[in-house]
Amino acid sequence: MNSLRSGFLDYSSSRMLTRVKSVYFYIKECGMVSTIELAEEFDTTNRTIQRDLNVLSYNGLVSSPTRGKWKITDKKVSVS
């Protein structure tokens, strides 16, 4: 049972990281976007997108100059 749970967490984490990268590139391509726009684009909830944005913000990759609007920062990114 433990290996099944571990496999689920690996898949879930991988899926989240893939989405976070996609969110970053979407913001980079579009400029400033809203949380609602991101949720619609990625067919997920506002809360899920907010968690993704928190990861990006914590790492200095996005900022929110206006409540509910997001843009990328000037921080250099190396993507693998």
N, C-alpha and C. Protein backbone atom coordinates (compact mmCIF):
# COMPACT_ATOMS: atom_id res chain seq x y z
N MET A 1 0.82 -1.19 0.00
CA MET A 1 0.00 0.00 0.00
C MET A 1 0.87 1.26 0.00
N ASN A 2 1.95 1.23 0.74
CA ASN A 2 2.82 2.39 0.83
C ASN A 2 3.41 2.77 -0.53
N SER A 3 3.81 1.78 -1.33
CA SER A 3 4.37 2.08 -2.65
C SER A 3 3.32 2.68 -3.57
N LEU A 4 2.07 2.24 -3.42
CA LEU A 4 1.00 2.82 -4.22
C LEU A 4 0.81 4.29 -3.87
N ARG A 5 0.80 4.58 -2.59
CA ARG A 5 0.65 5.96 -2.14
C ARG A 5 1.82 6.81 -2.60
N SER A 6 3.02 6.28 -2.50
CA SER A 6 4.22 6.99 -2.95
C SER A 6 4.14 7.28 -4.44
N GLY A 7 3.69 6.31 -5.22
CA GLY A 7 3.54 6.51 -6.66
C GLY A 7 2.54 7.61 -6.97
N PHE A 8 1.44 7.66 -6.20
CA PHE A 8 0.45 8.71 -6.39
C PHE A 8 1.05 10.07 -6.11
N LEU A 9 1.82 10.17 -5.00
CA LEU A 9 2.42 11.45 -4.65
C LEU A 9 3.42 11.88 -5.70
N ASP A 10 4.20 10.94 -6.24
CA ASP A 10 5.14 11.27 -7.30
C ASP A 10 4.41 11.80 -8.53
N TYR A 11 3.33 11.13 -8.92
CA TYR A 11 2.54 11.55 -10.07
C TYR A 11 1.91 12.91 -9.82
N SER A 12 1.35 13.09 -8.63
CA SER A 12 0.70 14.35 -8.28
C SER A 12 1.71 15.49 -8.28
N SER A 13 2.87 15.28 -7.71
CA SER A 13 3.91 16.31 -7.66
C SER A 13 4.41 16.64 -9.06
N SER A 14 4.59 15.62 -9.86
CA SER A 14 5.05 15.83 -11.23
C SER A 14 4.03 16.64 -12.03
N ARG A 15 2.77 16.31 -11.86
CA ARG A 15 1.70 17.02 -12.56
C ARG A 15 1.65 18.48 -12.12
N MET A 16 1.82 18.71 -10.80
CA MET A 16 1.80 20.08 -10.29
C MET A 16 2.98 20.87 -10.83
N LEU A 17 4.17 20.28 -10.83
CA LEU A 17 5.35 20.99 -11.34
C LEU A 17 5.20 21.32 -12.82
N THR A 18 4.63 20.40 -13.58
CA THR A 18 4.38 20.65 -14.99
C THR A 18 3.42 21.83 -15.16
N ARG A 19 2.37 21.87 -14.35
CA ARG A 19 1.40 22.97 -14.42
C ARG A 19 2.04 24.29 -14.01
N VAL A 20 2.86 24.27 -12.95
CA VAL A 20 3.51 25.50 -12.50
C VAL A 20 4.40 26.06 -13.61
N LYS A 21 5.16 25.20 -14.28
CA LYS A 21 5.98 25.65 -15.41
C LYS A 21 5.10 26.24 -16.50
N SER A 22 4.00 25.56 -16.80
CA SER A 22 3.10 26.04 -17.85
C SER A 22 2.50 27.38 -17.49
N VAL A 23 2.14 27.57 -16.22
CA VAL A 23 1.59 28.84 -15.75
C VAL A 23 2.64 29.94 -15.95
N TYR A 24 3.87 29.65 -15.56
CA TYR A 24 4.95 30.63 -15.72
C TYR A 24 5.09 31.04 -17.19
N PHE A 25 5.16 30.07 -18.08
CA PHE A 25 5.34 30.38 -19.50
C PHE A 25 4.13 31.09 -20.09
N TYR A 26 2.96 30.76 -19.61
CA TYR A 26 1.74 31.45 -20.07
C TYR A 26 1.80 32.93 -19.68
N ILE A 27 2.18 33.20 -18.44
CA ILE A 27 2.29 34.60 -17.99
C ILE A 27 3.38 35.31 -18.79
N LYS A 28 4.48 34.64 -19.02
CA LYS A 28 5.59 35.23 -19.79
C LYS A 28 5.13 35.60 -21.19
N GLU A 29 4.34 34.74 -21.80
CA GLU A 29 3.87 34.97 -23.16
C GLU A 29 2.81 36.07 -23.23
N CYS A 30 1.92 36.10 -22.25
CA CYS A 30 0.77 37.01 -22.31
C CYS A 30 1.01 38.36 -21.63
N GLY A 31 2.01 38.45 -20.80
CA GLY A 31 2.19 39.67 -20.02
C GLY A 31 1.42 39.55 -18.73
N MET A 32 0.73 40.59 -18.33
CA MET A 32 -0.03 40.55 -17.08
C MET A 32 -1.34 39.80 -17.29
N VAL A 33 -1.61 38.85 -16.39
CA VAL A 33 -2.84 38.05 -16.46
C VAL A 33 -3.48 37.97 -15.09
N SER A 34 -4.76 37.66 -15.07
CA SER A 34 -5.48 37.54 -13.80
C SER A 34 -5.51 36.09 -13.33
N THR A 35 -5.73 35.93 -12.05
CA THR A 35 -5.87 34.60 -11.47
C THR A 35 -7.03 33.87 -12.13
N ILE A 36 -8.12 34.57 -12.36
CA ILE A 36 -9.30 33.97 -13.00
C ILE A 36 -8.97 33.49 -14.41
N GLU A 37 -8.26 34.33 -15.17
CA GLU A 37 -7.86 33.95 -16.53
C GLU A 37 -7.00 32.69 -16.51
N LEU A 38 -6.08 32.61 -15.56
CA LEU A 38 -5.23 31.42 -15.45
C LEU A 38 -6.04 30.18 -15.11
N ALA A 39 -6.97 30.31 -14.18
CA ALA A 39 -7.81 29.17 -13.80
C ALA A 39 -8.61 28.67 -15.00
N GLU A 40 -9.13 29.59 -15.79
CA GLU A 40 -9.89 29.20 -16.98
C GLU A 40 -8.98 28.56 -18.02
N GLU A 41 -7.83 29.16 -18.25
CA GLU A 41 -6.88 28.64 -19.25
C GLU A 41 -6.42 27.22 -18.90
N PHE A 42 -6.18 26.96 -17.62
CA PHE A 42 -5.67 25.66 -17.19
C PHE A 42 -6.76 24.73 -16.67
N ASP A 43 -8.00 25.14 -16.84
CA ASP A 43 -9.16 24.33 -16.48
C ASP A 43 -9.03 23.77 -15.06
N THR A 44 -8.80 24.69 -14.13
CA THR A 44 -8.67 24.31 -12.73
C THR A 44 -9.31 25.40 -11.86
N THR A 45 -9.25 25.22 -10.57
CA THR A 45 -9.88 26.19 -9.68
C THR A 45 -8.97 27.38 -9.40
N ASN A 46 -9.57 28.47 -8.96
CA ASN A 46 -8.79 29.64 -8.58
C ASN A 46 -7.82 29.28 -7.46
N ARG A 47 -8.26 28.44 -6.52
CA ARG A 47 -7.42 28.05 -5.39
C ARG A 47 -6.19 27.27 -5.84
N THR A 48 -6.36 26.37 -6.79
CA THR A 48 -5.23 25.61 -7.33
C THR A 48 -4.24 26.55 -8.00
N ILE A 49 -4.74 27.46 -8.81
CA ILE A 49 -3.87 28.44 -9.47
C ILE A 49 -3.17 29.30 -8.43
N GLN A 50 -3.87 29.68 -7.38
CA GLN A 50 -3.26 30.50 -6.34
C GLN A 50 -2.09 29.76 -5.68
N ARG A 51 -2.25 28.46 -5.46
CA ARG A 51 -1.14 27.68 -4.89
C ARG A 51 0.05 27.66 -5.86
N ASP A 52 -0.22 27.50 -7.15
CA ASP A 52 0.85 27.53 -8.15
C ASP A 52 1.55 28.89 -8.16
N LEU A 53 0.76 29.96 -8.09
CA LEU A 53 1.32 31.31 -8.07
C LEU A 53 2.13 31.55 -6.80
N ASN A 54 1.71 30.96 -5.69
CA ASN A 54 2.47 31.08 -4.45
C ASN A 54 3.86 30.45 -4.60
N VAL A 55 3.93 29.31 -5.28
CA VAL A 55 5.23 28.66 -5.54
C VAL A 55 6.10 29.58 -6.39
N LEU A 56 5.53 30.11 -7.46
CA LEU A 56 6.28 31.00 -8.36
C LEU A 56 6.69 32.29 -7.65
N SER A 57 5.80 32.84 -6.86
CA SER A 57 6.09 34.07 -6.13
C SER A 57 7.17 33.83 -5.08
N TYR A 58 7.07 32.75 -4.33
CA TYR A 58 8.06 32.41 -3.32
C TYR A 58 9.46 32.32 -3.92
N ASN A 59 9.54 31.83 -5.14
CA ASN A 59 10.81 31.68 -5.84
C ASN A 59 11.21 32.93 -6.63
N GLY A 60 10.45 34.00 -6.47
CA GLY A 60 10.79 35.27 -7.10
C GLY A 60 10.57 35.32 -8.59
N LEU A 61 9.70 34.45 -9.12
CA LEU A 61 9.50 34.38 -10.57
C LEU A 61 8.31 35.19 -11.06
N VAL A 62 7.33 35.43 -10.19
CA VAL A 62 6.19 36.26 -10.55
C VAL A 62 5.91 37.24 -9.42
N SER A 63 5.22 38.31 -9.78
CA SER A 63 4.79 39.28 -8.76
C SER A 63 3.38 39.73 -9.10
N SER A 64 2.74 40.31 -8.11
CA SER A 64 1.38 40.78 -8.28
C SER A 64 1.33 42.28 -7.96
N PRO A 65 1.57 43.12 -8.99
CA PRO A 65 1.57 44.56 -8.76
C PRO A 65 0.18 45.11 -8.47
N THR A 66 -0.83 44.39 -8.92
CA THR A 66 -2.23 44.75 -8.69
C THR A 66 -2.94 43.51 -8.20
N ARG A 67 -3.76 43.64 -7.18
CA ARG A 67 -4.46 42.48 -6.62
C ARG A 67 -5.16 41.65 -7.71
N GLY A 68 -4.81 40.38 -7.75
CA GLY A 68 -5.43 39.46 -8.71
C GLY A 68 -4.81 39.46 -10.08
N LYS A 69 -3.78 40.28 -10.30
CA LYS A 69 -3.07 40.32 -11.59
C LYS A 69 -1.63 39.91 -11.36
N TRP A 70 -1.08 39.18 -12.31
CA TRP A 70 0.26 38.62 -12.16
C TRP A 70 1.13 38.91 -13.37
N LYS A 71 2.42 39.10 -13.14
CA LYS A 71 3.40 39.26 -14.22
C LYS A 71 4.69 38.59 -13.77
N ILE A 72 5.54 38.27 -14.75
CA ILE A 72 6.82 37.66 -14.40
C ILE A 72 7.77 38.75 -13.91
N THR A 73 8.79 38.32 -13.18
CA THR A 73 9.81 39.24 -12.69
C THR A 73 11.00 39.19 -13.65
N ASP A 74 12.02 39.95 -13.35
CA ASP A 74 13.23 39.97 -14.17
C ASP A 74 14.21 38.86 -13.79
N LYS A 75 13.85 38.04 -12.81
CA LYS A 75 14.75 36.97 -12.38
C LYS A 75 15.01 36.00 -13.53
N LYS A 76 16.27 35.68 -13.74
CA LYS A 76 16.64 34.75 -14.79
C LYS A 76 16.24 33.32 -14.40
N VAL A 77 15.76 32.58 -15.38
CA VAL A 77 15.23 31.24 -15.14
C VAL A 77 15.96 30.24 -16.02
N SER A 78 16.35 29.13 -15.42
CA SER A 78 16.90 28.01 -16.16
C SER A 78 15.88 26.89 -16.08
N VAL A 79 15.33 26.50 -17.22
CA VAL A 79 14.27 25.51 -17.25
C VAL A 79 14.82 24.18 -17.73
N SER A 80 14.46 23.14 -16.99
CA SER A 80 14.87 21.79 -17.41
C SER A 80 13.68 20.95 -17.75
